[in-house]
Amino acid sequence: MSIVAKEKRTDLDTPQLRPRTFAGIRNWLGFGNISAVYVLIAIVVVFSVLAPDTFLTMDTALQIVNQNAVAAILALSLVVPLSAHVFDLSVGAMLGLSAAIVATLMTTTSLPVVLIVAIALCVGAMVGFANAFFVVTLKVESLIATLASAALIEALVVMITDEQVVTGGRLFGSFGELATASVFGVTAPVLIAITLALLIWWLMEHTATGRRIYATGFNEPAARLAGVRTRRLRFFALMISAVIAGIAGITLVAQVSSASPDLGPPYLLTAFAAAFLGSSQLRGGRFNAFGTLLAVVLLGTGQVGLGLVSAPVWASSVFTGSVLLAALALRSAHADRGH
């Protein structure tokens, strides 16, 4: 009798579970959750038609991934501060500063590579500390404080490089070879970006600190009332941002074996576009590492495709700017649904 009852309960439970399961899959595959995947597929189809002989190849796929590794690292530098509702406009300049320091020390001194990299990262931490001091301690609006910081950093880069391209010396030796080392065609900078994404994912999704950072970004007054040390978390977020931007600069100078006064700022728009588009992917309105990587791939695919069809130079900026506007619209839609 009990077996019959159990079978009846199973029969009754199954129809209730199926809709929930299918609804969950449908929601996860919905346009609002992984819109970047569907847009990416559309972009691939368009450029496969426009450039059938060159676009849909393994070489092009590897070019998209490898060419955008630095952009991915810089975009990842924004995930933590943006999650805490802090804007860091100095990451592009910080990339340039880190690259300038490494290139200059590599070409003018005999210091060990490890020490040079450590110096660049320490400078990044100092920049992050300065940004955090003005934003958190002096309560200057983050957009204004980091914009001013970016201007000062760019001036410092010009001083360090003496308005020249810094190249030669050990930049063409083993240091540069680190960036070209690859696994199945995927270069070391891509592996660095993936490693950073995994670390950020673990921090934000699997630690109390990450949950508190999200709480700070969603509603700082409520988080503060709940006992979250929001000021400390925002301080931490800005320091993490600058250090990761420094890693992006080190990676870039290893890739191109040079540094120039205007190396960093061009990456800023792509980084913000990827971070905001990524926030509308996978995690429903939350800035996240893997959504950001997906967005970088989308942006990189569009930019490489435009290059293969010989589009005007300005087309790349139009594409990136359009993606950023679309990402902001998607994020606003997520916020409206949340309310």
C-alpha atoms as a PDB file:
ATOM      1  CA  MET A   1       0.000   0.000   0.000  1.00  0.00           C
ATOM      2  CA  SER A   2       2.802   2.379   0.832  1.00  0.00           C
ATOM      3  CA  ILE A   3       4.486   1.561  -2.485  1.00  0.00           C
ATOM      4  CA  VAL A   4       1.322   2.497  -4.372  1.00  0.00           C
ATOM      5  CA  ALA A   5       1.050   5.717  -2.411  1.00  0.00           C
ATOM      6  CA  LYS A   6       4.677   6.531  -3.130  1.00  0.00           C
ATOM      7  CA  GLU A   7       4.115   5.878  -6.849  1.00  0.00           C
ATOM      8  CA  LYS A   8       1.072   8.154  -6.786  1.00  0.00           C
ATOM      9  CA  ARG A   9       3.059  10.922  -5.132  1.00  0.00           C
ATOM     10  CA  THR A  10       5.773  10.548  -7.781  1.00  0.00           C
ATOM     11  CA  ASP A  11       3.214  10.795 -10.567  1.00  0.00           C
ATOM     12  CA  LEU A  12       1.738  13.881  -8.997  1.00  0.00           C
ATOM     13  CA  ASP A  13       5.091  15.513  -8.347  1.00  0.00           C
ATOM     14  CA  THR A  14       6.543  15.008 -11.834  1.00  0.00           C
ATOM     15  CA  PRO A  15       4.211  17.402 -13.708  1.00  0.00           C
ATOM     16  CA  GLN A  16       4.940  20.088 -11.123  1.00  0.00           C
ATOM     17  CA  LEU A  17       8.704  19.682 -11.409  1.00  0.00           C
ATOM     18  CA  ARG A  18       8.849  19.675 -15.199  1.00  0.00           C
ATOM     19  CA  PRO A  19       7.448  23.177 -15.714  1.00  0.00           C
ATOM     20  CA  ARG A  20       9.869  24.555 -13.138  1.00  0.00           C
ATOM     21  CA  THR A  21      12.807  22.824 -14.805  1.00  0.00           C
ATOM     22  CA  PHE A  22      11.808  23.931 -18.292  1.00  0.00           C
ATOM     23  CA  ALA A  23      11.023  27.424 -17.058  1.00  0.00           C
ATOM     24  CA  GLY A  24      14.478  27.653 -15.513  1.00  0.00           C
ATOM     25  CA  ILE A  25      16.143  26.535 -18.740  1.00  0.00           C
ATOM     26  CA  ARG A  26      13.951  28.882 -20.773  1.00  0.00           C
ATOM     27  CA  ASN A  27      14.804  31.804 -18.515  1.00  0.00           C
ATOM     28  CA  TRP A  28      18.526  31.023 -18.621  1.00  0.00           C
ATOM     29  CA  LEU A  29      18.468  30.811 -22.426  1.00  0.00           C
ATOM     30  CA  GLY A  30      16.284  33.901 -22.703  1.00  0.00           C
ATOM     31  CA  PHE A  31      17.462  36.950 -24.635  1.00  0.00           C
ATOM     32  CA  GLY A  32      17.561  38.998 -21.455  1.00  0.00           C
ATOM     33  CA  ASN A  33      20.083  36.622 -19.863  1.00  0.00           C
ATOM     34  CA  ILE A  34      22.463  35.760 -22.691  1.00  0.00           C
ATOM     35  CA  SER A  35      21.624  38.381 -25.320  1.00  0.00           C
ATOM     36  CA  ALA A  36      25.338  38.753 -26.096  1.00  0.00           C
ATOM     37  CA  VAL A  37      25.434  35.146 -27.316  1.00  0.00           C
ATOM     38  CA  TYR A  38      22.612  35.741 -29.795  1.00  0.00           C
ATOM     39  CA  VAL A  39      24.110  39.039 -30.957  1.00  0.00           C
ATOM     40  CA  LEU A  40      27.484  37.300 -31.329  1.00  0.00           C
ATOM     41  CA  ILE A  41      25.887  34.593 -33.479  1.00  0.00           C
ATOM     42  CA  ALA A  42      24.286  37.293 -35.641  1.00  0.00           C
ATOM     43  CA  ILE A  43      27.634  39.080 -36.023  1.00  0.00           C
ATOM     44  CA  VAL A  44      29.339  35.821 -37.012  1.00  0.00           C
ATOM     45  CA  VAL A  45      26.652  35.129 -39.630  1.00  0.00           C
ATOM     46  CA  VAL A  46      26.914  38.650 -41.101  1.00  0.00           C
ATOM     47  CA  PHE A  47      30.707  38.643 -41.421  1.00  0.00           C
ATOM     48  CA  SER A  48      30.715  35.049 -42.670  1.00  0.00           C
ATOM     49  CA  VAL A  49      28.615  36.295 -45.583  1.00  0.00           C
ATOM     50  CA  LEU A  50      30.628  39.499 -46.116  1.00  0.00           C
ATOM     51  CA  ALA A  51      34.055  37.842 -45.787  1.00  0.00           C
ATOM     52  CA  PRO A  52      33.486  34.113 -46.372  1.00  0.00           C
ATOM     53  CA  ASP A  53      37.110  33.275 -47.174  1.00  0.00           C
ATOM     54  CA  THR A  54      38.752  34.971 -44.200  1.00  0.00           C
ATOM     55  CA  PHE A  55      36.313  35.351 -41.306  1.00  0.00           C
ATOM     56  CA  LEU A  56      35.092  31.840 -40.544  1.00  0.00           C
ATOM     57  CA  THR A  57      38.535  30.320 -39.947  1.00  0.00           C
ATOM     58  CA  MET A  58      40.476  29.068 -36.928  1.00  0.00           C
ATOM     59  CA  ASP A  59      43.123  31.753 -37.500  1.00  0.00           C
ATOM     60  CA  THR A  60      40.489  34.477 -37.212  1.00  0.00           C
ATOM     61  CA  ALA A  61      39.019  32.899 -34.081  1.00  0.00           C
ATOM     62  CA  LEU A  62      42.460  32.811 -32.452  1.00  0.00           C
ATOM     63  CA  GLN A  63      43.088  36.388 -33.567  1.00  0.00           C
ATOM     64  CA  ILE A  64      39.867  37.530 -31.874  1.00  0.00           C
ATOM     65  CA  VAL A  65      40.755  35.785 -28.620  1.00  0.00           C
ATOM     66  CA  ASN A  66      44.458  36.659 -28.485  1.00  0.00           C
ATOM     67  CA  GLN A  67      44.112  40.224 -29.739  1.00  0.00           C
ATOM     68  CA  ASN A  68      41.575  41.122 -27.048  1.00  0.00           C
ATOM     69  CA  ALA A  69      43.288  39.624 -24.009  1.00  0.00           C
ATOM     70  CA  VAL A  70      44.495  42.995 -22.701  1.00  0.00           C
ATOM     71  CA  ALA A  71      41.054  44.541 -23.228  1.00  0.00           C
ATOM     72  CA  ALA A  72      39.592  41.632 -21.254  1.00  0.00           C
ATOM     73  CA  ILE A  73      42.002  42.165 -18.356  1.00  0.00           C
ATOM     74  CA  LEU A  74      41.224  45.888 -18.259  1.00  0.00           C
ATOM     75  CA  ALA A  75      37.478  45.218 -18.395  1.00  0.00           C
ATOM     76  CA  LEU A  76      37.845  42.754 -15.514  1.00  0.00           C
ATOM     77  CA  SER A  77      39.532  45.507 -13.492  1.00  0.00           C
ATOM     78  CA  LEU A  78      36.176  47.319 -13.494  1.00  0.00           C
ATOM     79  CA  VAL A  79      34.017  44.450 -12.235  1.00  0.00           C
ATOM     80  CA  VAL A  80      34.754  44.869  -8.515  1.00  0.00           C
ATOM     81  CA  PRO A  81      34.508  48.698  -8.284  1.00  0.00           C
ATOM     82  CA  LEU A  82      31.387  48.860 -10.450  1.00  0.00           C
ATOM     83  CA  SER A  83      29.813  46.161  -8.277  1.00  0.00           C
ATOM     84  CA  ALA A  84      30.392  48.515  -5.343  1.00  0.00           C
ATOM     85  CA  HIS A  85      28.893  51.381  -7.409  1.00  0.00           C
ATOM     86  CA  VAL A  86      32.249  53.120  -7.829  1.00  0.00           C
ATOM     87  CA  PHE A  87      33.430  54.353 -11.230  1.00  0.00           C
ATOM     88  CA  ASP A  88      37.145  54.215 -12.002  1.00  0.00           C
ATOM     89  CA  LEU A  89      37.939  56.257 -15.111  1.00  0.00           C
ATOM     90  CA  SER A  90      41.669  56.028 -14.462  1.00  0.00           C
ATOM     91  CA  VAL A  91      42.146  52.375 -15.461  1.00  0.00           C
ATOM     92  CA  GLY A  92      43.146  53.220 -19.035  1.00  0.00           C
ATOM     93  CA  ALA A  93      45.730  55.725 -17.836  1.00  0.00           C
ATOM     94  CA  MET A  94      46.925  53.230 -15.218  1.00  0.00           C
ATOM     95  CA  LEU A  95      47.461  50.667 -17.968  1.00  0.00           C
ATOM     96  CA  GLY A  96      49.643  53.200 -19.789  1.00  0.00           C
ATOM     97  CA  LEU A  97      51.591  54.073 -16.630  1.00  0.00           C
ATOM     98  CA  SER A  98      52.317  50.444 -15.838  1.00  0.00           C
ATOM     99  CA  ALA A  99      53.471  49.819 -19.401  1.00  0.00           C
ATOM    100  CA  ALA A 100      55.678  52.931 -19.361  1.00  0.00           C
ATOM    101  CA  ILE A 101      57.321  51.932 -16.075  1.00  0.00           C
ATOM    102  CA  VAL A 102      58.054  48.401 -17.257  1.00  0.00           C
ATOM    103  CA  ALA A 103      59.332  49.480 -20.685  1.00  0.00           C
ATOM    104  CA  THR A 104      61.548  52.220 -19.239  1.00  0.00           C
ATOM    105  CA  LEU A 105      63.072  50.027 -16.543  1.00  0.00           C
ATOM    106  CA  MET A 106      63.569  47.144 -18.973  1.00  0.00           C
ATOM    107  CA  THR A 107      65.470  49.356 -21.427  1.00  0.00           C
ATOM    108  CA  THR A 108      67.480  51.524 -19.019  1.00  0.00           C
ATOM    109  CA  THR A 109      68.332  49.226 -16.094  1.00  0.00           C
ATOM    110  CA  SER A 110      69.515  45.699 -15.422  1.00  0.00           C
ATOM    111  CA  LEU A 111      66.947  45.067 -12.684  1.00  0.00           C
ATOM    112  CA  PRO A 112      65.420  41.572 -12.633  1.00  0.00           C
ATOM    113  CA  VAL A 113      62.152  41.240 -14.533  1.00  0.00           C
ATOM    114  CA  VAL A 114      60.345  40.040 -11.415  1.00  0.00           C
ATOM    115  CA  LEU A 115      61.404  43.177  -9.525  1.00  0.00           C
ATOM    116  CA  ILE A 116      60.329  45.446 -12.387  1.00  0.00           C
ATOM    117  CA  VAL A 117      56.911  43.792 -12.500  1.00  0.00           C
ATOM    118  CA  ALA A 118      56.623  44.124  -8.711  1.00  0.00           C
ATOM    119  CA  ILE A 119      57.471  47.844  -8.935  1.00  0.00           C
ATOM    120  CA  ALA A 120      54.764  48.377 -11.569  1.00  0.00           C
ATOM    121  CA  LEU A 121      52.181  46.553  -9.445  1.00  0.00           C
ATOM    122  CA  CYS A 122      53.167  48.530  -6.345  1.00  0.00           C
ATOM    123  CA  VAL A 123      52.695  51.763  -8.287  1.00  0.00           C
ATOM    124  CA  GLY A 124      49.262  50.474  -9.291  1.00  0.00           C
ATOM    125  CA  ALA A 125      48.412  49.826  -5.649  1.00  0.00           C
ATOM    126  CA  MET A 126      49.560  53.357  -4.770  1.00  0.00           C
ATOM    127  CA  VAL A 127      47.358  54.847  -7.486  1.00  0.00           C
ATOM    128  CA  GLY A 128      44.432  52.781  -6.222  1.00  0.00           C
ATOM    129  CA  PHE A 129      45.116  53.978  -2.679  1.00  0.00           C
ATOM    130  CA  ALA A 130      45.166  57.610  -3.844  1.00  0.00           C
ATOM    131  CA  ASN A 131      41.900  57.170  -5.758  1.00  0.00           C
ATOM    132  CA  ALA A 132      40.292  55.498  -2.757  1.00  0.00           C
ATOM    133  CA  PHE A 133      41.510  58.225  -0.410  1.00  0.00           C
ATOM    134  CA  PHE A 134      39.808  60.937  -2.447  1.00  0.00           C
ATOM    135  CA  VAL A 135      36.641  58.936  -3.146  1.00  0.00           C
ATOM    136  CA  VAL A 136      36.104  57.213   0.203  1.00  0.00           C
ATOM    137  CA  THR A 137      37.867  59.412   2.753  1.00  0.00           C
ATOM    138  CA  LEU A 138      37.351  62.857   1.218  1.00  0.00           C
ATOM    139  CA  LYS A 139      34.020  61.806  -0.348  1.00  0.00           C
ATOM    140  CA  VAL A 140      34.768  63.189  -3.804  1.00  0.00           C
ATOM    141  CA  GLU A 141      32.465  61.783  -6.491  1.00  0.00           C
ATOM    142  CA  SER A 142      34.256  58.792  -8.036  1.00  0.00           C
ATOM    143  CA  LEU A 143      33.720  59.954 -11.623  1.00  0.00           C
ATOM    144  CA  ILE A 144      35.360  63.313 -10.905  1.00  0.00           C
ATOM    145  CA  ALA A 145      38.157  61.982  -8.704  1.00  0.00           C
ATOM    146  CA  THR A 146      39.250  59.238 -11.092  1.00  0.00           C
ATOM    147  CA  LEU A 147      38.920  61.518 -14.127  1.00  0.00           C
ATOM    148  CA  ALA A 148      41.319  63.956 -12.448  1.00  0.00           C
ATOM    149  CA  SER A 149      43.548  61.042 -11.487  1.00  0.00           C
ATOM    150  CA  ALA A 150      43.612  59.876 -15.105  1.00  0.00           C
ATOM    151  CA  ALA A 151      44.754  63.319 -16.269  1.00  0.00           C
ATOM    152  CA  LEU A 152      47.589  63.347 -13.727  1.00  0.00           C
ATOM    153  CA  ILE A 153      48.651  59.811 -14.619  1.00  0.00           C
ATOM    154  CA  GLU A 154      48.685  60.608 -18.336  1.00  0.00           C
ATOM    155  CA  ALA A 155      50.946  63.587 -17.637  1.00  0.00           C
ATOM    156  CA  LEU A 156      53.256  61.310 -15.647  1.00  0.00           C
ATOM    157  CA  VAL A 157      53.369  58.825 -18.530  1.00  0.00           C
ATOM    158  CA  VAL A 158      54.420  61.609 -20.905  1.00  0.00           C
ATOM    159  CA  MET A 159      57.203  62.563 -18.482  1.00  0.00           C
ATOM    160  CA  ILE A 160      58.427  58.975 -18.111  1.00  0.00           C
ATOM    161  CA  THR A 161      58.442  58.254 -21.841  1.00  0.00           C
ATOM    162  CA  ASP A 162      59.696  61.737 -22.785  1.00  0.00           C
ATOM    163  CA  GLU A 163      56.970  61.772 -25.457  1.00  0.00           C
ATOM    164  CA  GLN A 164      58.743  58.940 -27.277  1.00  0.00           C
ATOM    165  CA  VAL A 165      58.012  55.300 -27.980  1.00  0.00           C
ATOM    166  CA  VAL A 166      60.071  53.274 -25.507  1.00  0.00           C
ATOM    167  CA  THR A 167      61.337  50.050 -27.053  1.00  0.00           C
ATOM    168  CA  GLY A 168      64.409  47.882 -27.576  1.00  0.00           C
ATOM    169  CA  GLY A 169      66.728  46.151 -25.160  1.00  0.00           C
ATOM    170  CA  ARG A 170      65.306  43.322 -23.095  1.00  0.00           C
ATOM    171  CA  LEU A 171      61.759  43.965 -24.341  1.00  0.00           C
ATOM    172  CA  PHE A 172      62.622  41.803 -27.348  1.00  0.00           C
ATOM    173  CA  GLY A 173      64.095  39.031 -25.210  1.00  0.00           C
ATOM    174  CA  SER A 174      62.534  36.475 -22.921  1.00  0.00           C
ATOM    175  CA  PHE A 175      60.083  39.031 -21.484  1.00  0.00           C
ATOM    176  CA  GLY A 176      58.420  39.507 -24.855  1.00  0.00           C
ATOM    177  CA  GLU A 177      58.475  35.777 -25.499  1.00  0.00           C
ATOM    178  CA  LEU A 178      56.297  35.258 -22.414  1.00  0.00           C
ATOM    179  CA  ALA A 179      53.411  36.947 -24.220  1.00  0.00           C
ATOM    180  CA  THR A 180      53.772  34.763 -27.304  1.00  0.00           C
ATOM    181  CA  ALA A 181      53.901  31.457 -25.424  1.00  0.00           C
ATOM    182  CA  SER A 182      50.744  29.553 -26.316  1.00  0.00           C
ATOM    183  CA  VAL A 183      48.684  26.446 -25.696  1.00  0.00           C
ATOM    184  CA  PHE A 184      46.887  25.233 -28.845  1.00  0.00           C
ATOM    185  CA  GLY A 185      47.283  28.725 -30.274  1.00  0.00           C
ATOM    186  CA  VAL A 186      45.871  30.491 -27.198  1.00  0.00           C
ATOM    187  CA  THR A 187      48.544  32.853 -25.891  1.00  0.00           C
ATOM    188  CA  ALA A 188      49.622  33.496 -22.298  1.00  0.00           C
ATOM    189  CA  PRO A 189      47.754  36.851 -21.988  1.00  0.00           C
ATOM    190  CA  VAL A 190      44.472  35.009 -22.627  1.00  0.00           C
ATOM    191  CA  LEU A 191      45.322  32.531 -19.888  1.00  0.00           C
ATOM    192  CA  ILE A 192      46.088  35.461 -17.570  1.00  0.00           C
ATOM    193  CA  ALA A 193      42.669  36.967 -18.352  1.00  0.00           C
ATOM    194  CA  ILE A 194      40.916  33.648 -17.683  1.00  0.00           C
ATOM    195  CA  THR A 195      42.810  33.209 -14.412  1.00  0.00           C
ATOM    196  CA  LEU A 196      41.824  36.695 -13.263  1.00  0.00           C
ATOM    197  CA  ALA A 197      38.212  36.018 -14.254  1.00  0.00           C
ATOM    198  CA  LEU A 198      38.201  32.854 -12.147  1.00  0.00           C
ATOM    199  CA  LEU A 199      39.652  34.724  -9.160  1.00  0.00           C
ATOM    200  CA  ILE A 200      37.110  37.543  -9.468  1.00  0.00           C
ATOM    201  CA  TRP A 201      34.280  35.032  -9.913  1.00  0.00           C
ATOM    202  CA  TRP A 202      35.380  33.223  -6.758  1.00  0.00           C
ATOM    203  CA  LEU A 203      35.692  36.493  -4.832  1.00  0.00           C
ATOM    204  CA  MET A 204      32.325  37.889  -5.892  1.00  0.00           C
ATOM    205  CA  GLU A 205      30.240  34.714  -5.919  1.00  0.00           C
ATOM    206  CA  HIS A 206      31.753  32.514  -3.222  1.00  0.00           C
ATOM    207  CA  THR A 207      32.995  34.782  -0.441  1.00  0.00           C
ATOM    208  CA  ALA A 208      31.307  36.963   2.141  1.00  0.00           C
ATOM    209  CA  THR A 209      33.391  39.893   0.889  1.00  0.00           C
ATOM    210  CA  GLY A 210      31.919  39.556  -2.599  1.00  0.00           C
ATOM    211  CA  ARG A 211      28.363  39.420  -1.299  1.00  0.00           C
ATOM    212  CA  ARG A 212      29.012  42.517   0.791  1.00  0.00           C
ATOM    213  CA  ILE A 213      30.458  44.339  -2.213  1.00  0.00           C
ATOM    214  CA  TYR A 214      27.283  43.567  -4.177  1.00  0.00           C
ATOM    215  CA  ALA A 215      25.193  44.736  -1.217  1.00  0.00           C
ATOM    216  CA  THR A 216      27.180  47.967  -1.081  1.00  0.00           C
ATOM    217  CA  GLY A 217      26.560  48.595  -4.761  1.00  0.00           C
ATOM    218  CA  PHE A 218      22.843  47.810  -4.678  1.00  0.00           C
ATOM    219  CA  ASN A 219      21.976  49.819  -1.565  1.00  0.00           C
ATOM    220  CA  GLU A 220      24.838  51.287   0.432  1.00  0.00           C
ATOM    221  CA  PRO A 221      22.722  52.850   3.245  1.00  0.00           C
ATOM    222  CA  ALA A 222      20.901  49.555   3.839  1.00  0.00           C
ATOM    223  CA  ALA A 223      24.173  47.622   3.740  1.00  0.00           C
ATOM    224  CA  ARG A 224      25.691  50.026   6.256  1.00  0.00           C
ATOM    225  CA  LEU A 225      22.707  49.590   8.574  1.00  0.00           C
ATOM    226  CA  ALA A 226      23.181  45.827   8.297  1.00  0.00           C
ATOM    227  CA  GLY A 227      26.720  46.202   9.610  1.00  0.00           C
ATOM    228  CA  VAL A 228      28.612  46.049   6.308  1.00  0.00           C
ATOM    229  CA  ARG A 229      31.765  48.171   6.314  1.00  0.00           C
ATOM    230  CA  THR A 230      30.964  49.822   3.018  1.00  0.00           C
ATOM    231  CA  ARG A 231      33.768  52.392   3.124  1.00  0.00           C
ATOM    232  CA  ARG A 232      36.407  49.703   3.551  1.00  0.00           C
ATOM    233  CA  LEU A 233      34.935  47.671   0.692  1.00  0.00           C
ATOM    234  CA  ARG A 234      34.895  50.645  -1.686  1.00  0.00           C
ATOM    235  CA  PHE A 235      38.500  51.394  -0.703  1.00  0.00           C
ATOM    236  CA  PHE A 236      39.416  47.779  -1.456  1.00  0.00           C
ATOM    237  CA  ALA A 237      37.548  47.858  -4.789  1.00  0.00           C
ATOM    238  CA  LEU A 238      39.478  50.861  -6.091  1.00  0.00           C
ATOM    239  CA  MET A 239      42.819  49.366  -5.096  1.00  0.00           C
ATOM    240  CA  ILE A 240      41.976  46.059  -6.792  1.00  0.00           C
ATOM    241  CA  SER A 241      40.939  47.970  -9.907  1.00  0.00           C
ATOM    242  CA  ALA A 242      44.255  49.818 -10.194  1.00  0.00           C
ATOM    243  CA  VAL A 243      46.348  46.701  -9.595  1.00  0.00           C
ATOM    244  CA  ILE A 244      44.504  44.707 -12.274  1.00  0.00           C
ATOM    245  CA  ALA A 245      44.847  47.660 -14.664  1.00  0.00           C
ATOM    246  CA  GLY A 246      48.562  47.505 -13.900  1.00  0.00           C
ATOM    247  CA  ILE A 247      48.569  43.820 -14.861  1.00  0.00           C
ATOM    248  CA  ALA A 248      46.919  44.800 -18.153  1.00  0.00           C
ATOM    249  CA  GLY A 249      49.723  47.294 -18.815  1.00  0.00           C
ATOM    250  CA  ILE A 250      52.445  44.753 -18.044  1.00  0.00           C
ATOM    251  CA  THR A 251      50.758  42.238 -20.339  1.00  0.00           C
ATOM    252  CA  LEU A 252      50.424  44.777 -23.154  1.00  0.00           C
ATOM    253  CA  VAL A 253      54.062  45.869 -23.079  1.00  0.00           C
ATOM    254  CA  ALA A 254      55.078  42.198 -23.206  1.00  0.00           C
ATOM    255  CA  GLN A 255      52.839  41.742 -26.253  1.00  0.00           C
ATOM    256  CA  VAL A 256      53.962  44.760 -28.273  1.00  0.00           C
ATOM    257  CA  SER A 257      57.515  45.111 -26.858  1.00  0.00           C
ATOM    258  CA  SER A 258      57.096  48.868 -26.476  1.00  0.00           C
ATOM    259  CA  ALA A 259      55.278  51.620 -24.617  1.00  0.00           C
ATOM    260  CA  SER A 260      54.090  55.008 -25.843  1.00  0.00           C
ATOM    261  CA  PRO A 261      52.560  58.093 -24.172  1.00  0.00           C
ATOM    262  CA  ASP A 262      49.080  57.351 -25.543  1.00  0.00           C
ATOM    263  CA  LEU A 263      49.018  53.590 -25.060  1.00  0.00           C
ATOM    264  CA  GLY A 264      46.352  53.243 -22.355  1.00  0.00           C
ATOM    265  CA  PRO A 265      43.379  55.622 -22.880  1.00  0.00           C
ATOM    266  CA  PRO A 266      42.104  53.997 -26.131  1.00  0.00           C
ATOM    267  CA  TYR A 267      41.259  50.869 -24.129  1.00  0.00           C
ATOM    268  CA  LEU A 268      38.938  52.701 -21.735  1.00  0.00           C
ATOM    269  CA  LEU A 269      35.793  52.745 -23.898  1.00  0.00           C
ATOM    270  CA  THR A 270      36.077  49.055 -24.741  1.00  0.00           C
ATOM    271  CA  ALA A 271      36.614  48.169 -21.078  1.00  0.00           C
ATOM    272  CA  PHE A 272      33.500  50.026 -19.910  1.00  0.00           C
ATOM    273  CA  ALA A 273      31.412  48.723 -22.811  1.00  0.00           C
ATOM    274  CA  ALA A 274      32.411  45.151 -21.944  1.00  0.00           C
ATOM    275  CA  ALA A 275      31.828  45.603 -18.212  1.00  0.00           C
ATOM    276  CA  PHE A 276      28.344  47.090 -18.658  1.00  0.00           C
ATOM    277  CA  LEU A 277      27.307  44.626 -21.353  1.00  0.00           C
ATOM    278  CA  GLY A 278      28.657  41.847 -19.154  1.00  0.00           C
ATOM    279  CA  SER A 279      26.494  43.033 -16.273  1.00  0.00           C
ATOM    280  CA  SER A 280      23.384  42.221 -18.308  1.00  0.00           C
ATOM    281  CA  GLN A 281      24.594  38.686 -19.020  1.00  0.00           C
ATOM    282  CA  LEU A 282      24.358  35.501 -16.934  1.00  0.00           C
ATOM    283  CA  ARG A 283      23.818  37.202 -13.562  1.00  0.00           C
ATOM    284  CA  GLY A 284      20.760  39.362 -14.246  1.00  0.00           C
ATOM    285  CA  GLY A 285      21.995  42.908 -13.762  1.00  0.00           C
ATOM    286  CA  ARG A 286      25.064  42.152 -11.632  1.00  0.00           C
ATOM    287  CA  PHE A 287      28.575  42.960 -12.795  1.00  0.00           C
ATOM    288  CA  ASN A 288      30.336  39.624 -13.199  1.00  0.00           C
ATOM    289  CA  ALA A 289      33.564  38.230 -14.593  1.00  0.00           C
ATOM    290  CA  PHE A 290      32.306  35.702 -17.136  1.00  0.00           C
ATOM    291  CA  GLY A 291      29.654  38.015 -18.536  1.00  0.00           C
ATOM    292  CA  THR A 292      32.450  40.545 -19.043  1.00  0.00           C
ATOM    293  CA  LEU A 293      34.592  38.008 -20.919  1.00  0.00           C
ATOM    294  CA  LEU A 294      31.617  37.152 -23.129  1.00  0.00           C
ATOM    295  CA  ALA A 295      31.145  40.844 -23.891  1.00  0.00           C
ATOM    296  CA  VAL A 296      34.835  41.233 -24.787  1.00  0.00           C
ATOM    297  CA  VAL A 297      34.539  38.356 -27.264  1.00  0.00           C
ATOM    298  CA  LEU A 298      31.485  40.020 -28.829  1.00  0.00           C
ATOM    299  CA  LEU A 299      33.277  43.368 -29.146  1.00  0.00           C
ATOM    300  CA  GLY A 300      36.434  41.727 -30.460  1.00  0.00           C
ATOM    301  CA  THR A 301      34.502  39.728 -33.042  1.00  0.00           C
ATOM    302  CA  GLY A 302      32.826  42.864 -34.348  1.00  0.00           C
ATOM    303  CA  GLN A 303      36.080  44.820 -34.510  1.00  0.00           C
ATOM    304  CA  VAL A 304      38.013  42.051 -36.263  1.00  0.00           C
ATOM    305  CA  GLY A 305      35.130  41.545 -38.677  1.00  0.00           C
ATOM    306  CA  LEU A 306      35.072  45.241 -39.522  1.00  0.00           C
ATOM    307  CA  GLY A 307      38.793  45.079 -40.222  1.00  0.00           C
ATOM    308  CA  LEU A 308      38.406  42.096 -42.544  1.00  0.00           C
ATOM    309  CA  VAL A 309      35.767  43.871 -44.654  1.00  0.00           C
ATOM    310  CA  SER A 310      37.932  47.029 -44.817  1.00  0.00           C
ATOM    311  CA  ALA A 311      35.415  49.197 -42.968  1.00  0.00           C
ATOM    312  CA  PRO A 312      36.366  52.846 -42.266  1.00  0.00           C
ATOM    313  CA  VAL A 313      38.548  53.445 -39.210  1.00  0.00           C
ATOM    314  CA  TRP A 314      35.722  55.208 -37.396  1.00  0.00           C
ATOM    315  CA  ALA A 315      33.417  52.191 -37.740  1.00  0.00           C
ATOM    316  CA  SER A 316      35.118  50.423 -34.834  1.00  0.00           C
ATOM    317  CA  SER A 317      34.397  53.316 -32.447  1.00  0.00           C
ATOM    318  CA  VAL A 318      30.801  53.525 -33.668  1.00  0.00           C
ATOM    319  CA  PHE A 319      30.379  49.798 -33.053  1.00  0.00           C
ATOM    320  CA  THR A 320      31.861  49.948 -29.538  1.00  0.00           C
ATOM    321  CA  GLY A 321      29.868  53.053 -28.607  1.00  0.00           C
ATOM    322  CA  SER A 322      26.659  51.465 -29.870  1.00  0.00           C
ATOM    323  CA  VAL A 323      27.326  48.350 -27.803  1.00  0.00           C
ATOM    324  CA  LEU A 324      27.884  50.504 -24.704  1.00  0.00           C
ATOM    325  CA  LEU A 325      24.571  52.328 -25.237  1.00  0.00           C
ATOM    326  CA  ALA A 326      22.775  49.020 -25.767  1.00  0.00           C
ATOM    327  CA  ALA A 327      24.406  47.635 -22.617  1.00  0.00           C
ATOM    328  CA  LEU A 328      23.251  50.627 -20.579  1.00  0.00           C
ATOM    329  CA  ALA A 329      19.721  50.171 -21.918  1.00  0.00           C
ATOM    330  CA  LEU A 330      19.755  46.471 -20.991  1.00  0.00           C
ATOM    331  CA  ARG A 331      21.066  47.256 -17.519  1.00  0.00           C
ATOM    332  CA  SER A 332      18.336  49.863 -17.052  1.00  0.00           C
ATOM    333  CA  ALA A 333      15.736  47.282 -18.106  1.00  0.00           C
ATOM    334  CA  HIS A 334      17.117  44.812 -15.545  1.00  0.00           C
ATOM    335  CA  ALA A 335      16.945  47.498 -12.863  1.00  0.00           C
ATOM    336  CA  ASP A 336      13.320  48.312 -13.745  1.00  0.00           C
ATOM    337  CA  ARG A 337      12.368  44.633 -13.511  1.00  0.00           C
ATOM    338  CA  GLY A 338      14.123  44.436 -10.161  1.00  0.00           C
ATOM    339  CA  HIS A 339      11.927  47.220  -8.812  1.00  0.00           C
END
